[in-house]
């Protein structure tokens, strides 16, 4: 079977089942990763691109198991809002999110299309 025919068949199955991230390019990445279309569609429906799910897949975790773990984590945290607040707190503590009041943005004098961003301490 030619790669083009294989992609056509794979993408039809994948795109019919995936609820998001279901472009032809996405289907091609999953197919090239040798993930069955039904499993790839589950990962894509959870919001994962192939390269994001690949480490989980390599570790033997399927999409259903991942989702079950996420559901348990949300329940343990006290619901989706409290889990989101906890995630934001961890990102702020880790320096991934910065208070906008601490950010200074200046236009680069040498490049009008570039902005210099610094964090005030």
PDB file of N, CA and C in Angstrom:
ATOM      1  N   UNK A   1       0.852  -1.173   0.000  1.00  0.00           N
ATOM      2  CA  UNK A   1       0.000   0.000   0.000  1.00  0.00           C
ATOM      3  C   UNK A   1       0.901   1.240   0.000  1.00  0.00           C
ATOM      4  N   UNK A   2       0.591   2.182  -0.841  1.00  0.00           N
ATOM      5  CA  UNK A   2       1.406   3.392  -0.910  1.00  0.00           C
ATOM      6  C   UNK A   2       1.170   4.238   0.344  1.00  0.00           C
ATOM      7  N   UNK A   3       2.146   5.080   0.647  1.00  0.00           N
ATOM      8  CA  UNK A   3       2.041   5.956   1.823  1.00  0.00           C
ATOM      9  C   UNK A   3       0.839   6.891   1.716  1.00  0.00           C
ATOM     10  N   UNK A   4       0.563   7.334   0.498  1.00  0.00           N
ATOM     11  CA  UNK A   4      -0.553   8.251   0.301  1.00  0.00           C
ATOM     12  C   UNK A   4      -1.886   7.567   0.601  1.00  0.00           C
ATOM     13  N   UNK A   5      -2.044   6.350   0.147  1.00  0.00           N
ATOM     14  CA  UNK A   5      -3.275   5.587   0.404  1.00  0.00           C
ATOM     15  C   UNK A   5      -3.367   5.265   1.889  1.00  0.00           C
ATOM     16  N   UNK A   6      -2.226   4.902   2.464  1.00  0.00           N
ATOM     17  CA  UNK A   6      -2.195   4.606   3.898  1.00  0.00           C
ATOM     18  C   UNK A   6      -2.598   5.836   4.714  1.00  0.00           C
ATOM     19  N   UNK A   7      -2.066   7.000   4.348  1.00  0.00           N
ATOM     20  CA  UNK A   7      -2.422   8.241   5.042  1.00  0.00           C
ATOM     21  C   UNK A   7      -3.898   8.566   4.863  1.00  0.00           C
ATOM     22  N   UNK A   8      -4.417   8.363   3.662  1.00  0.00           N
ATOM     23  CA  UNK A   8      -5.837   8.635   3.416  1.00  0.00           C
ATOM     24  C   UNK A   8      -6.712   7.791   4.339  1.00  0.00           C
ATOM     25  N   UNK A   9      -6.425   6.495   4.401  1.00  0.00           N
ATOM     26  CA  UNK A   9      -7.231   5.602   5.228  1.00  0.00           C
ATOM     27  C   UNK A   9      -7.073   5.921   6.720  1.00  0.00           C
ATOM     28  N   UNK A  10      -5.836   6.157   7.116  1.00  0.00           N
ATOM     29  CA  UNK A  10      -5.556   6.468   8.515  1.00  0.00           C
ATOM     30  C   UNK A  10      -6.252   7.772   8.914  1.00  0.00           C
ATOM     31  N   UNK A  11      -6.100   8.800   8.077  1.00  0.00           N
ATOM     32  CA  UNK A  11      -6.662  10.108   8.434  1.00  0.00           C
ATOM     33  C   UNK A  11      -8.183  10.067   8.504  1.00  0.00           C
ATOM     34  N   UNK A  12      -8.807   9.260   7.676  1.00  0.00           N
ATOM     35  CA  UNK A  12     -10.273   9.132   7.753  1.00  0.00           C
ATOM     36  C   UNK A  12     -10.692   8.585   9.108  1.00  0.00           C
ATOM     37  N   UNK A  13     -10.014   7.544   9.570  1.00  0.00           N
ATOM     38  CA  UNK A  13     -10.336   6.965  10.879  1.00  0.00           C
ATOM     39  C   UNK A  13     -10.031   7.945  11.999  1.00  0.00           C
ATOM     40  N   UNK A  14      -8.855   8.547  11.927  1.00  0.00           N
ATOM     41  CA  UNK A  14      -8.405   9.478  12.960  1.00  0.00           C
ATOM     42  C   UNK A  14      -9.319  10.694  13.044  1.00  0.00           C
ATOM     43  N   UNK A  15      -9.578  11.317  11.911  1.00  0.00           N
ATOM     44  CA  UNK A  15     -10.352  12.554  11.902  1.00  0.00           C
ATOM     45  C   UNK A  15     -11.815  12.323  12.263  1.00  0.00           C
ATOM     46  N   UNK A  16     -12.324  11.132  12.013  1.00  0.00           N
ATOM     47  CA  UNK A  16     -13.710  10.824  12.371  1.00  0.00           C
ATOM     48  C   UNK A  16     -13.878  10.694  13.883  1.00  0.00           C
ATOM     49  N   UNK A  17     -12.810  10.303  14.580  1.00  0.00           N
ATOM     50  CA  UNK A  17     -12.911  10.049  16.015  1.00  0.00           C
ATOM     51  C   UNK A  17     -12.347  11.175  16.881  1.00  0.00           C
ATOM     52  N   UNK A  18     -11.360  11.915  16.393  1.00  0.00           N
ATOM     53  CA  UNK A  18     -10.735  12.968  17.201  1.00  0.00           C
ATOM     54  C   UNK A  18     -11.635  14.194  17.256  1.00  0.00           C
ATOM     55  N   UNK A  19     -11.791  14.752  18.448  1.00  0.00           N
ATOM     56  CA  UNK A  19     -12.656  15.926  18.620  1.00  0.00           C
ATOM     57  C   UNK A  19     -11.898  17.241  18.512  1.00  0.00           C
ATOM     58  N   UNK A  20     -10.571  17.181  18.503  1.00  0.00           N
ATOM     59  CA  UNK A  20      -9.748  18.376  18.317  1.00  0.00           C
ATOM     60  C   UNK A  20      -8.379  17.934  17.814  1.00  0.00           C
ATOM     61  N   UNK A  21      -7.572  18.877  17.374  1.00  0.00           N
ATOM     62  CA  UNK A  21      -6.238  18.580  16.841  1.00  0.00           C
ATOM     63  C   UNK A  21      -6.316  17.474  15.801  1.00  0.00           C
ATOM     64  N   UNK A  22      -7.245  17.618  14.866  1.00  0.00           N
ATOM     65  CA  UNK A  22      -7.512  16.540  13.921  1.00  0.00           C
ATOM     66  C   UNK A  22      -7.305  16.948  12.466  1.00  0.00           C
ATOM     67  N   UNK A  23      -6.251  17.696  12.212  1.00  0.00           N
ATOM     68  CA  UNK A  23      -5.940  18.073  10.837  1.00  0.00           C
ATOM     69  C   UNK A  23      -5.235  16.922  10.141  1.00  0.00           C
ATOM     70  N   UNK A  24      -5.091  17.039   8.844  1.00  0.00           N
ATOM     71  CA  UNK A  24      -4.373  16.022   8.080  1.00  0.00           C
ATOM     72  C   UNK A  24      -2.915  15.954   8.538  1.00  0.00           C
ATOM     73  N   UNK A  25      -2.330  17.104   8.836  1.00  0.00           N
ATOM     74  CA  UNK A  25      -0.940  17.133   9.324  1.00  0.00           C
ATOM     75  C   UNK A  25      -0.823  16.410  10.665  1.00  0.00           C
ATOM     76  N   UNK A  26      -1.821  16.596  11.527  1.00  0.00           N
ATOM     77  CA  UNK A  26      -1.817  15.885  12.810  1.00  0.00           C
ATOM     78  C   UNK A  26      -1.910  14.381  12.578  1.00  0.00           C
ATOM     79  N   UNK A  27      -2.809  13.971  11.702  1.00  0.00           N
ATOM     80  CA  UNK A  27      -2.972  12.547  11.396  1.00  0.00           C
ATOM     81  C   UNK A  27      -1.667  11.956  10.867  1.00  0.00           C
ATOM     82  N   UNK A  28      -0.986  12.703  10.024  1.00  0.00           N
ATOM     83  CA  UNK A  28       0.278  12.215   9.462  1.00  0.00           C
ATOM     84  C   UNK A  28       1.317  11.988  10.564  1.00  0.00           C
ATOM     85  N   UNK A  29       1.410  12.911  11.524  1.00  0.00           N
ATOM     86  CA  UNK A  29       2.369  12.738  12.614  1.00  0.00           C
ATOM     87  C   UNK A  29       2.065  11.492  13.437  1.00  0.00           C
ATOM     88  N   UNK A  30       0.801  11.292  13.741  1.00  0.00           N
ATOM     89  CA  UNK A  30       0.415  10.110  14.512  1.00  0.00           C
ATOM     90  C   UNK A  30       0.693   8.842  13.720  1.00  0.00           C
ATOM     91  N   UNK A  31       0.382   8.862  12.427  1.00  0.00           N
ATOM     92  CA  UNK A  31       0.616   7.683  11.591  1.00  0.00           C
ATOM     93  C   UNK A  31       2.110   7.366  11.528  1.00  0.00           C
ATOM     94  N   UNK A  32       2.929   8.402  11.333  1.00  0.00           N
ATOM     95  CA  UNK A  32       4.374   8.190  11.265  1.00  0.00           C
ATOM     96  C   UNK A  32       4.935   7.708  12.601  1.00  0.00           C
ATOM     97  N   UNK A  33       4.244   8.026  13.692  1.00  0.00           N
ATOM     98  CA  UNK A  33       4.629   7.534  15.007  1.00  0.00           C
ATOM     99  C   UNK A  33       4.144   6.124  15.277  1.00  0.00           C
ATOM    100  N   UNK A  34       3.451   5.557  14.304  1.00  0.00           N
ATOM    101  CA  UNK A  34       2.950   4.177  14.374  1.00  0.00           C
ATOM    102  C   UNK A  34       1.965   3.946  15.532  1.00  0.00           C
ATOM    103  N   UNK A  35       1.162   4.970  15.800  1.00  0.00           N
ATOM    104  CA  UNK A  35       0.114   4.876  16.816  1.00  0.00           C
ATOM    105  C   UNK A  35      -1.179   4.539  16.092  1.00  0.00           C
ATOM    106  N   UNK A  36      -1.889   3.497  16.516  1.00  0.00           N
ATOM    107  CA  UNK A  36      -3.166   3.174  15.868  1.00  0.00           C
ATOM    108  C   UNK A  36      -4.102   4.381  15.861  1.00  0.00           C
ATOM    109  N   UNK A  37      -4.854   4.530  14.789  1.00  0.00           N
ATOM    110  CA  UNK A  37      -5.698   5.713  14.598  1.00  0.00           C
ATOM    111  C   UNK A  37      -6.669   5.935  15.757  1.00  0.00           C
ATOM    112  N   UNK A  38      -7.268   4.884  16.274  1.00  0.00           N
ATOM    113  CA  UNK A  38      -8.233   5.038  17.374  1.00  0.00           C
ATOM    114  C   UNK A  38      -7.553   5.577  18.629  1.00  0.00           C
ATOM    115  N   UNK A  39      -6.363   5.060  18.939  1.00  0.00           N
ATOM    116  CA  UNK A  39      -5.628   5.542  20.115  1.00  0.00           C
ATOM    117  C   UNK A  39      -5.134   6.968  19.892  1.00  0.00           C
ATOM    118  N   UNK A  40      -4.670   7.264  18.699  1.00  0.00           N
ATOM    119  CA  UNK A  40      -4.216   8.616  18.368  1.00  0.00           C
ATOM    120  C   UNK A  40      -5.357   9.611  18.521  1.00  0.00           C
ATOM    121  N   UNK A  41      -6.542   9.221  18.093  1.00  0.00           N
ATOM    122  CA  UNK A  41      -7.707  10.101  18.207  1.00  0.00           C
ATOM    123  C   UNK A  41      -8.040  10.385  19.669  1.00  0.00           C
ATOM    124  N   UNK A  42      -7.862   9.394  20.528  1.00  0.00           N
ATOM    125  CA  UNK A  42      -8.115   9.617  21.957  1.00  0.00           C
ATOM    126  C   UNK A  42      -7.124  10.630  22.529  1.00  0.00           C
ATOM    127  N   UNK A  43      -5.846  10.471  22.176  1.00  0.00           N
ATOM    128  CA  UNK A  43      -4.840  11.425  22.646  1.00  0.00           C
ATOM    129  C   UNK A  43      -5.136  12.822  22.115  1.00  0.00           C
ATOM    130  N   UNK A  44      -5.435  12.928  20.831  1.00  0.00           N
ATOM    131  CA  UNK A  44      -5.730  14.228  20.232  1.00  0.00           C
ATOM    132  C   UNK A  44      -6.955  14.861  20.887  1.00  0.00           C
ATOM    133  N   UNK A  45      -7.941  14.059  21.201  1.00  0.00           N
ATOM    134  CA  UNK A  45      -9.151  14.570  21.850  1.00  0.00           C
ATOM    135  C   UNK A  45      -8.864  15.086  23.257  1.00  0.00           C
ATOM    136  N   UNK A  46      -7.780  14.590  23.860  1.00  0.00           N
ATOM    137  CA  UNK A  46      -7.355  15.085  25.174  1.00  0.00           C
ATOM    138  C   UNK A  46      -6.503  16.350  25.049  1.00  0.00           C
ATOM    139  N   UNK A  47      -6.192  16.744  23.795  1.00  0.00           N
ATOM    140  CA  UNK A  47      -5.427  17.961  23.580  1.00  0.00           C
ATOM    141  C   UNK A  47      -3.937  17.742  23.350  1.00  0.00           C
ATOM    142  N   UNK A  48      -3.534  16.520  23.032  1.00  0.00           N
ATOM    143  CA  UNK A  48      -2.130  16.201  22.823  1.00  0.00           C
ATOM    144  C   UNK A  48      -1.789  16.110  21.343  1.00  0.00           C
ATOM    145  N   UNK A  49      -0.675  16.729  20.968  1.00  0.00           N
ATOM    146  CA  UNK A  49      -0.061  16.451  19.679  1.00  0.00           C
ATOM    147  C   UNK A  49       0.785  15.197  19.857  1.00  0.00           C
ATOM    148  N   UNK A  50       1.182  14.598  18.732  1.00  0.00           N
ATOM    149  CA  UNK A  50       1.958  13.364  18.823  1.00  0.00           C
ATOM    150  C   UNK A  50       3.214  13.539  19.679  1.00  0.00           C
ATOM    151  N   UNK A  51       3.977  14.610  19.430  1.00  0.00           N
ATOM    152  CA  UNK A  51       5.246  14.773  20.151  1.00  0.00           C
ATOM    153  C   UNK A  51       5.040  14.976  21.656  1.00  0.00           C
ATOM    154  N   UNK A  52       3.865  15.450  22.067  1.00  0.00           N
ATOM    155  CA  UNK A  52       3.569  15.613  23.488  1.00  0.00           C
ATOM    156  C   UNK A  52       3.154  14.291  24.128  1.00  0.00           C
ATOM    157  N   UNK A  53       2.473  13.455  23.374  1.00  0.00           N
ATOM    158  CA  UNK A  53       2.002  12.173  23.910  1.00  0.00           C
ATOM    159  C   UNK A  53       3.059  11.085  23.815  1.00  0.00           C
ATOM    160  N   UNK A  54       4.026  11.257  22.921  1.00  0.00           N
ATOM    161  CA  UNK A  54       5.024  10.207  22.670  1.00  0.00           C
ATOM    162  C   UNK A  54       5.723   9.708  23.937  1.00  0.00           C
ATOM    163  N   UNK A  55       6.148  10.572  24.865  1.00  0.00           N
ATOM    164  CA  UNK A  55       6.789  10.050  26.081  1.00  0.00           C
ATOM    165  C   UNK A  55       5.855   9.176  26.918  1.00  0.00           C
ATOM    166  N   UNK A  56       4.585   9.552  26.971  1.00  0.00           N
ATOM    167  CA  UNK A  56       3.617   8.740  27.722  1.00  0.00           C
ATOM    168  C   UNK A  56       3.418   7.389  27.038  1.00  0.00           C
ATOM    169  N   UNK A  57       3.297   7.432  25.720  1.00  0.00           N
ATOM    170  CA  UNK A  57       3.110   6.197  24.953  1.00  0.00           C
ATOM    171  C   UNK A  57       4.320   5.285  25.120  1.00  0.00           C
ATOM    172  N   UNK A  58       5.522   5.868  25.051  1.00  0.00           N
ATOM    173  CA  UNK A  58       6.748   5.085  25.218  1.00  0.00           C
ATOM    174  C   UNK A  58       6.819   4.453  26.606  1.00  0.00           C
ATOM    175  N   UNK A  59       6.206   5.116  27.590  1.00  0.00           N
ATOM    176  CA  UNK A  59       6.185   4.584  28.954  1.00  0.00           C
ATOM    177  C   UNK A  59       5.072   3.556  29.158  1.00  0.00           C
ATOM    178  N   UNK A  60       4.295   3.304  28.102  1.00  0.00           N
ATOM    179  CA  UNK A  60       3.234   2.301  28.187  1.00  0.00           C
ATOM    180  C   UNK A  60       1.908   2.836  28.695  1.00  0.00           C
ATOM    181  N   UNK A  61       1.758   4.147  28.706  1.00  0.00           N
ATOM    182  CA  UNK A  61       0.507   4.754  29.180  1.00  0.00           C
ATOM    183  C   UNK A  61      -0.377   5.034  27.978  1.00  0.00           C
ATOM    184  N   UNK A  62      -1.597   4.528  28.016  1.00  0.00           N
ATOM    185  CA  UNK A  62      -2.522   4.828  26.920  1.00  0.00           C
ATOM    186  C   UNK A  62      -3.387   6.025  27.313  1.00  0.00           C
ATOM    187  N   UNK A  63      -4.132   6.536  26.361  1.00  0.00           N
ATOM    188  CA  UNK A  63      -4.925   7.750  26.587  1.00  0.00           C
ATOM    189  C   UNK A  63      -5.971   7.561  27.684  1.00  0.00           C
ATOM    190  N   UNK A  64      -6.593   6.398  27.730  1.00  0.00           N
ATOM    191  CA  UNK A  64      -7.611   6.154  28.759  1.00  0.00           C
ATOM    192  C   UNK A  64      -6.998   6.180  30.159  1.00  0.00           C
ATOM    193  N   UNK A  65      -5.822   5.573  30.306  1.00  0.00           N
ATOM    194  CA  UNK A  65      -5.141   5.558  31.600  1.00  0.00           C
ATOM    195  C   UNK A  65      -4.726   6.977  31.994  1.00  0.00           C
ATOM    196  N   UNK A  66      -4.217   7.732  31.037  1.00  0.00           N
ATOM    197  CA  UNK A  66      -3.822   9.116  31.310  1.00  0.00           C
ATOM    198  C   UNK A  66      -5.023   9.923  31.779  1.00  0.00           C
ATOM    199  N   UNK A  67      -6.143   9.806  31.065  1.00  0.00           N
ATOM    200  CA  UNK A  67      -7.347  10.556  31.431  1.00  0.00           C
ATOM    201  C   UNK A  67      -7.842  10.155  32.813  1.00  0.00           C
ATOM    202  N   UNK A  68      -7.789   8.858  33.133  1.00  0.00           N
ATOM    203  CA  UNK A  68      -8.213   8.415  34.459  1.00  0.00           C
ATOM    204  C   UNK A  68      -7.343   9.051  35.538  1.00  0.00           C
ATOM    205  N   UNK A  69      -6.044   9.125  35.301  1.00  0.00           N
ATOM    206  CA  UNK A  69      -5.138   9.772  36.250  1.00  0.00           C
ATOM    207  C   UNK A  69      -5.443  11.251  36.415  1.00  0.00           C
ATOM    208  N   UNK A  70      -5.727  11.924  35.305  1.00  0.00           N
ATOM    209  CA  UNK A  70      -6.083  13.343  35.359  1.00  0.00           C
ATOM    210  C   UNK A  70      -7.383  13.539  36.140  1.00  0.00           C
ATOM    211  N   UNK A  71      -8.347  12.662  35.907  1.00  0.00           N
ATOM    212  CA  UNK A  71      -9.625  12.768  36.620  1.00  0.00           C
ATOM    213  C   UNK A  71      -9.435  12.588  38.127  1.00  0.00           C
ATOM    214  N   UNK A  72      -8.580  11.633  38.507  1.00  0.00           N
ATOM    215  CA  UNK A  72      -8.312  11.402  39.930  1.00  0.00           C
ATOM    216  C   UNK A  72      -7.596  12.608  40.531  1.00  0.00           C
ATOM    217  N   UNK A  73      -6.626  13.153  39.810  1.00  0.00           N
ATOM    218  CA  UNK A  73      -5.900  14.337  40.296  1.00  0.00           C
ATOM    219  C   UNK A  73      -6.844  15.507  40.516  1.00  0.00           C
ATOM    220  N   UNK A  74      -7.776  15.687  39.605  1.00  0.00           N
ATOM    221  CA  UNK A  74      -8.749  16.777  39.728  1.00  0.00           C
ATOM    222  C   UNK A  74      -9.636  16.558  40.939  1.00  0.00           C
ATOM    223  N   UNK A  75     -10.056  15.319  41.136  1.00  0.00           N
ATOM    224  CA  UNK A  75     -10.919  15.001  42.281  1.00  0.00           C
ATOM    225  C   UNK A  75     -10.174  15.221  43.600  1.00  0.00           C
ATOM    226  N   UNK A  76      -8.922  14.772  43.657  1.00  0.00           N
ATOM    227  CA  UNK A  76      -8.123  14.923  44.876  1.00  0.00           C
ATOM    228  C   UNK A  76      -7.886  16.404  45.189  1.00  0.00           C
ATOM    229  N   UNK A  77      -7.712  17.208  44.144  1.00  0.00           N
ATOM    230  CA  UNK A  77      -7.468  18.646  44.339  1.00  0.00           C
ATOM    231  C   UNK A  77      -8.714  19.390  44.796  1.00  0.00           C
ATOM    232  N   UNK A  78      -9.869  18.759  44.683  1.00  0.00           N
ATOM    233  CA  UNK A  78     -11.102  19.408  45.120  1.00  0.00           C
ATOM    234  C   UNK A  78     -11.928  19.969  43.987  1.00  0.00           C
ATOM    235  N   UNK A  79     -11.626  19.578  42.761  1.00  0.00           N
ATOM    236  CA  UNK A  79     -12.380  20.033  41.601  1.00  0.00           C
ATOM    237  C   UNK A  79     -11.482  20.773  40.622  1.00  0.00           C
ATOM    238  N   UNK A  80     -12.021  21.039  39.445  1.00  0.00           N
ATOM    239  CA  UNK A  80     -11.198  21.655  38.409  1.00  0.00           C
ATOM    240  C   UNK A  80     -10.706  23.062  38.754  1.00  0.00           C
ATOM    241  N   UNK A  81     -11.523  23.844  39.470  1.00  0.00           N
ATOM    242  CA  UNK A  81     -11.103  25.204  39.807  1.00  0.00           C
ATOM    243  C   UNK A  81      -9.939  25.200  40.785  1.00  0.00           C
ATOM    244  N   UNK A  82     -10.033  24.370  41.817  1.00  0.00           N
ATOM    245  CA  UNK A  82      -8.955  24.302  42.802  1.00  0.00           C
ATOM    246  C   UNK A  82      -7.691  23.712  42.189  1.00  0.00           C
ATOM    247  N   UNK A  83      -7.845  22.771  41.288  1.00  0.00           N
ATOM    248  CA  UNK A  83      -6.669  22.197  40.621  1.00  0.00           C
ATOM    249  C   UNK A  83      -6.001  23.261  39.749  1.00  0.00           C
ATOM    250  N   UNK A  84      -6.799  24.044  39.043  1.00  0.00           N
ATOM    251  CA  UNK A  84      -6.242  25.113  38.213  1.00  0.00           C
ATOM    252  C   UNK A  84      -5.525  26.137  39.083  1.00  0.00           C
ATOM    253  N   UNK A  85      -6.115  26.498  40.217  1.00  0.00           N
ATOM    254  CA  UNK A  85      -5.474  27.460  41.117  1.00  0.00           C
ATOM    255  C   UNK A  85      -4.151  26.915  41.641  1.00  0.00           C
ATOM    256  N   UNK A  86      -4.121  25.636  41.964  1.00  0.00           N
ATOM    257  CA  UNK A  86      -2.890  25.009  42.436  1.00  0.00           C
ATOM    258  C   UNK A  86      -1.823  25.020  41.339  1.00  0.00           C
ATOM    259  N   UNK A  87      -2.229  24.745  40.113  1.00  0.00           N
ATOM    260  CA  UNK A  87      -1.279  24.766  38.995  1.00  0.00           C
ATOM    261  C   UNK A  87      -0.714  26.166  38.784  1.00  0.00           C
ATOM    262  N   UNK A  88      -1.584  27.159  38.864  1.00  0.00           N
ATOM    263  CA  UNK A  88      -1.125  28.549  38.700  1.00  0.00           C
ATOM    264  C   UNK A  88      -0.171  28.924  39.822  1.00  0.00           C
ATOM    265  N   UNK A  89      -0.487  28.542  41.052  1.00  0.00           N
ATOM    266  CA  UNK A  89       0.409  28.826  42.179  1.00  0.00           C
ATOM    267  C   UNK A  89       1.782  28.210  41.952  1.00  0.00           C
ATOM    268  N   UNK A  90       1.822  26.969  41.461  1.00  0.00           N
ATOM    269  CA  UNK A  90       3.107  26.310  41.194  1.00  0.00           C
ATOM    270  C   UNK A  90       3.879  27.024  40.083  1.00  0.00           C
ATOM    271  N   UNK A  91       3.170  27.507  39.065  1.00  0.00           N
ATOM    272  CA  UNK A  91       3.847  28.216  37.976  1.00  0.00           C
ATOM    273  C   UNK A  91       4.393  29.566  38.443  1.00  0.00           C
ATOM    274  N   UNK A  92       3.645  30.257  39.299  1.00  0.00           N
ATOM    275  CA  UNK A  92       4.122  31.538  39.831  1.00  0.00           C
ATOM    276  C   UNK A  92       5.343  31.289  40.714  1.00  0.00           C
ATOM    277  N   UNK A  93       5.254  30.309  41.605  1.00  0.00           N
ATOM    278  CA  UNK A  93       6.362  29.977  42.493  1.00  0.00           C
ATOM    279  C   UNK A  93       7.596  29.558  41.699  1.00  0.00           C
ATOM    280  N   UNK A  94       7.378  28.820  40.625  1.00  0.00           N
ATOM    281  CA  UNK A  94       8.484  28.359  39.791  1.00  0.00           C
ATOM    282  C   UNK A  94       9.001  29.402  38.815  1.00  0.00           C
ATOM    283  N   UNK A  95       8.377  30.564  38.777  1.00  0.00           N
ATOM    284  CA  UNK A  95       8.835  31.627  37.901  1.00  0.00           C
ATOM    285  C   UNK A  95       8.352  31.535  36.469  1.00  0.00           C
ATOM    286  N   UNK A  96       7.416  30.640  36.190  1.00  0.00           N
ATOM    287  CA  UNK A  96       6.898  30.499  34.830  1.00  0.00           C
ATOM    288  C   UNK A  96       5.863  31.573  34.500  1.00  0.00           C
ATOM    289  N   UNK A  97       5.211  32.087  35.524  1.00  0.00           N
ATOM    290  CA  UNK A  97       4.226  33.159  35.354  1.00  0.00           C
ATOM    291  C   UNK A  97       4.691  34.328  36.208  1.00  0.00           C
ATOM    292  N   UNK A  98       4.651  35.514  35.644  1.00  0.00           N
ATOM    293  CA  UNK A  98       5.122  36.704  36.340  1.00  0.00           C
ATOM    294  C   UNK A  98       3.974  37.698  36.465  1.00  0.00           C
ATOM    295  N   UNK A  99       3.917  38.364  37.593  1.00  0.00           N
ATOM    296  CA  UNK A  99       2.927  39.414  37.817  1.00  0.00           C
ATOM    297  C   UNK A  99       3.140  40.509  36.780  1.00  0.00           C
ATOM    298  N   UNK A 100       2.104  40.873  36.019  1.00  0.00           N
ATOM    299  CA  UNK A 100       2.254  41.902  34.985  1.00  0.00           C
ATOM    300  C   UNK A 100       2.813  43.221  35.509  1.00  0.00           C
ATOM    301  N   UNK A 101       2.601  43.521  36.773  1.00  0.00           N
ATOM    302  CA  UNK A 101       3.129  44.762  37.335  1.00  0.00           C
ATOM    303  C   UNK A 101       4.658  44.747  37.405  1.00  0.00           C
ATOM    304  N   UNK A 102       5.246  43.552  37.352  1.00  0.00           N
ATOM    305  CA  UNK A 102       6.709  43.425  37.417  1.00  0.00           C
ATOM    306  C   UNK A 102       7.355  43.384  36.033  1.00  0.00           C
ATOM    307  N   UNK A 103       6.563  43.503  34.981  1.00  0.00           N
ATOM    308  CA  UNK A 103       7.091  43.398  33.623  1.00  0.00           C
ATOM    309  C   UNK A 103       7.254  44.777  33.006  1.00  0.00           C
ATOM    310  N   UNK A 104       8.388  44.989  32.367  1.00  0.00           N
ATOM    311  CA  UNK A 104       8.636  46.236  31.647  1.00  0.00           C
ATOM    312  C   UNK A 104       8.906  45.893  30.192  1.00  0.00           C
ATOM    313  N   UNK A 105       8.153  46.527  29.297  1.00  0.00           N
ATOM    314  CA  UNK A 105       8.304  46.282  27.864  1.00  0.00           C
ATOM    315  C   UNK A 105       8.742  47.567  27.182  1.00  0.00           C
ATOM    316  N   UNK A 106       9.820  47.470  26.380  1.00  0.00           N
ATOM    317  CA  UNK A 106      10.374  48.628  25.692  1.00  0.00           C
ATOM    318  C   UNK A 106      10.616  48.236  24.242  1.00  0.00           C
ATOM    319  N   UNK A 107      10.261  49.119  23.323  1.00  0.00           N
ATOM    320  CA  UNK A 107      10.515  48.845  21.912  1.00  0.00           C
ATOM    321  C   UNK A 107      12.020  48.888  21.653  1.00  0.00           C
ATOM    322  N   UNK A 108      12.511  47.899  20.945  1.00  0.00           N
ATOM    323  CA  UNK A 108      13.931  47.834  20.586  1.00  0.00           C
ATOM    324  C   UNK A 108      14.258  49.028  19.684  1.00  0.00           C
ATOM    325  N   UNK A 109      15.223  49.873  20.061  1.00  0.00           N
ATOM    326  CA  UNK A 109      15.534  51.042  19.234  1.00  0.00           C
ATOM    327  C   UNK A 109      16.154  50.673  17.879  1.00  0.00           C
ATOM    328  N   UNK A 110      16.663  49.453  17.761  1.00  0.00           N
ATOM    329  CA  UNK A 110      17.302  49.014  16.520  1.00  0.00           C
ATOM    330  C   UNK A 110      16.379  48.203  15.625  1.00  0.00           C
ATOM    331  N   UNK A 111      15.241  47.760  16.172  1.00  0.00           N
ATOM    332  CA  UNK A 111      14.313  46.917  15.406  1.00  0.00           C
ATOM    333  C   UNK A 111      12.886  47.262  15.830  1.00  0.00           C
ATOM    334  N   UNK A 112      12.150  47.998  14.996  1.00  0.00           N
ATOM    335  CA  UNK A 112      10.793  48.424  15.388  1.00  0.00           C
ATOM    336  C   UNK A 112       9.807  47.260  15.523  1.00  0.00           C
ATOM    337  N   UNK A 113      10.169  46.077  15.040  1.00  0.00           N
ATOM    338  CA  UNK A 113       9.284  44.911  15.133  1.00  0.00           C
ATOM    339  C   UNK A 113       9.604  44.046  16.348  1.00  0.00           C
ATOM    340  N   UNK A 114      10.529  44.486  17.175  1.00  0.00           N
ATOM    341  CA  UNK A 114      10.972  43.687  18.319  1.00  0.00           C
ATOM    342  C   UNK A 114      10.746  44.457  19.609  1.00  0.00           C
ATOM    343  N   UNK A 115      10.255  43.785  20.619  1.00  0.00           N
ATOM    344  CA  UNK A 115      10.045  44.390  21.928  1.00  0.00           C
ATOM    345  C   UNK A 115      10.976  43.725  22.934  1.00  0.00           C
ATOM    346  N   UNK A 116      11.624  44.532  23.743  1.00  0.00           N
ATOM    347  CA  UNK A 116      12.482  44.007  24.803  1.00  0.00           C
ATOM    348  C   UNK A 116      11.646  43.902  26.071  1.00  0.00           C
ATOM    349  N   UNK A 117      11.631  42.723  26.655  1.00  0.00           N
ATOM    350  CA  UNK A 117      10.837  42.473  27.875  1.00  0.00           C
ATOM    351  C   UNK A 117      11.807  42.169  29.006  1.00  0.00           C
ATOM    352  N   UNK A 118      11.655  42.880  30.104  1.00  0.00           N
ATOM    353  CA  UNK A 118      12.457  42.608  31.291  1.00  0.00           C
ATOM    354  C   UNK A 118      11.537  42.481  32.493  1.00  0.00           C
ATOM    355  N   UNK A 119      12.006  41.753  33.480  1.00  0.00           N
ATOM    356  CA  UNK A 119      11.239  41.572  34.711  1.00  0.00           C
ATOM    357  C   UNK A 119      11.925  42.363  35.805  1.00  0.00           C
ATOM    358  N   UNK A 120      11.174  43.244  36.431  1.00  0.00           N
ATOM    359  CA  UNK A 120      11.701  44.084  37.496  1.00  0.00           C
ATOM    360  C   UNK A 120      11.706  43.299  38.795  1.00  0.00           C
ATOM    361  N   UNK A 121      12.778  43.411  39.528  1.00  0.00           N
ATOM    362  CA  UNK A 121      12.852  42.729  40.834  1.00  0.00           C
ATOM    363  C   UNK A 121      12.749  43.688  41.974  1.00  0.00           C
TER     364      UNK A 121
END
